[in-house]
């Protein structure tokens, strides 16, 4: 789905009801300037994972986005600082 900046400014509600990615287009230069993705839910994350869906750890399969993000940040922080020692 594509929309220009003027269309988004006129109808900002389109951002709150996204079901698929939205490409923001600069119509004068005919370029895509941004892509806005809908807020991911567990079923969308699994669908977007595609062939890598089986790599999602079992303990993260039923958590929401905020919890999964927090777990990923903790794991990255731990990995970074454990390797520094």
Protein backbone atom coordinates (compact mmCIF):
# COMPACT_ATOMS: atom_id res chain seq x y z
CA UNK A 1 0.00 0.00 0.00
CA UNK A 2 1.34 3.46 -0.86
CA UNK A 3 0.33 6.94 0.25
CA UNK A 4 1.69 10.45 -0.15
CA UNK A 5 2.46 12.77 2.76
CA UNK A 6 -0.59 14.93 2.04
CA UNK A 7 -2.87 11.88 2.15
CA UNK A 8 -1.44 10.82 5.50
CA UNK A 9 -1.84 14.35 6.91
CA UNK A 10 -5.47 14.47 5.77
CA UNK A 11 -6.30 11.03 7.14
CA UNK A 12 -3.98 10.25 10.05
CA UNK A 13 -6.35 7.45 11.14
CA UNK A 14 -4.93 5.29 8.35
CA UNK A 15 -1.81 4.84 10.50
CA UNK A 16 -3.79 3.49 13.45
CA UNK A 17 -5.56 0.85 11.37
CA UNK A 18 -2.65 -0.58 9.40
CA UNK A 19 -2.85 -4.24 8.52
CA UNK A 20 0.00 -4.28 5.99
CA UNK A 21 3.16 -2.19 5.48
CA UNK A 22 2.58 1.34 4.16
CA UNK A 23 5.11 3.00 1.85
CA UNK A 24 5.26 6.79 2.10
CA UNK A 25 5.96 8.25 -1.34
CA UNK A 26 7.37 11.63 -2.38
CA UNK A 27 5.22 12.19 -5.45
CA UNK A 28 7.35 14.99 -6.90
CA UNK A 29 10.56 12.96 -6.90
CA UNK A 30 8.73 9.65 -7.34
CA UNK A 31 10.69 8.01 -4.52
CA UNK A 32 9.74 5.94 -1.52
CA UNK A 33 10.88 7.91 1.53
CA UNK A 34 9.67 5.64 4.34
CA UNK A 35 7.99 2.35 5.10
CA UNK A 36 5.65 2.13 8.07
CA UNK A 37 4.91 -1.31 9.49
CA UNK A 38 1.89 -2.18 11.63
CA UNK A 39 2.45 -3.02 15.29
CA UNK A 40 3.41 -6.69 15.34
CA UNK A 41 1.33 -9.21 17.17
CA UNK A 42 2.41 -12.80 17.75
CA UNK A 43 0.54 -14.16 14.74
CA UNK A 44 1.97 -11.44 12.46
CA UNK A 45 5.48 -12.12 13.72
CA UNK A 46 5.14 -15.81 12.94
CA UNK A 47 3.75 -15.01 9.46
CA UNK A 48 6.57 -12.54 8.75
CA UNK A 49 9.20 -14.98 10.01
CA UNK A 50 8.41 -17.27 7.07
CA UNK A 51 10.87 -20.12 6.75
CA UNK A 52 12.71 -18.93 9.89
CA UNK A 53 9.62 -19.32 12.10
CA UNK A 54 10.92 -22.55 13.57
CA UNK A 55 13.95 -20.68 14.94
CA UNK A 56 11.85 -18.70 17.43
CA UNK A 57 12.77 -20.05 20.89
CA UNK A 58 9.94 -21.90 22.65
CA UNK A 59 9.99 -19.49 25.60
CA UNK A 60 9.41 -16.52 23.26
CA UNK A 61 6.63 -17.99 21.10
CA UNK A 62 3.73 -16.86 23.32
CA UNK A 63 5.05 -13.51 24.60
CA UNK A 64 4.13 -10.09 23.28
CA UNK A 65 6.45 -7.75 21.40
CA UNK A 66 7.63 -5.77 24.44
CA UNK A 67 8.64 -8.90 26.34
CA UNK A 68 10.45 -10.38 23.33
CA UNK A 69 12.29 -7.09 22.76
CA UNK A 70 13.34 -6.94 26.41
CA UNK A 71 14.61 -10.53 26.32
CA UNK A 72 16.60 -9.81 23.14
CA UNK A 73 18.15 -6.68 24.67
CA UNK A 74 19.15 -8.55 27.83
CA UNK A 75 20.71 -11.35 25.77
CA UNK A 76 22.65 -8.88 23.61
CA UNK A 77 23.83 -6.93 26.68
CA UNK A 78 24.94 -10.12 28.42
CA UNK A 79 26.76 -11.36 25.32
CA UNK A 80 28.54 -8.03 24.84
CA UNK A 81 29.71 -7.67 28.42
CA UNK A 82 30.59 -11.34 28.96
CA UNK A 83 32.93 -11.25 25.97
CA UNK A 84 34.65 -8.11 27.31
CA UNK A 85 35.90 -9.91 30.43
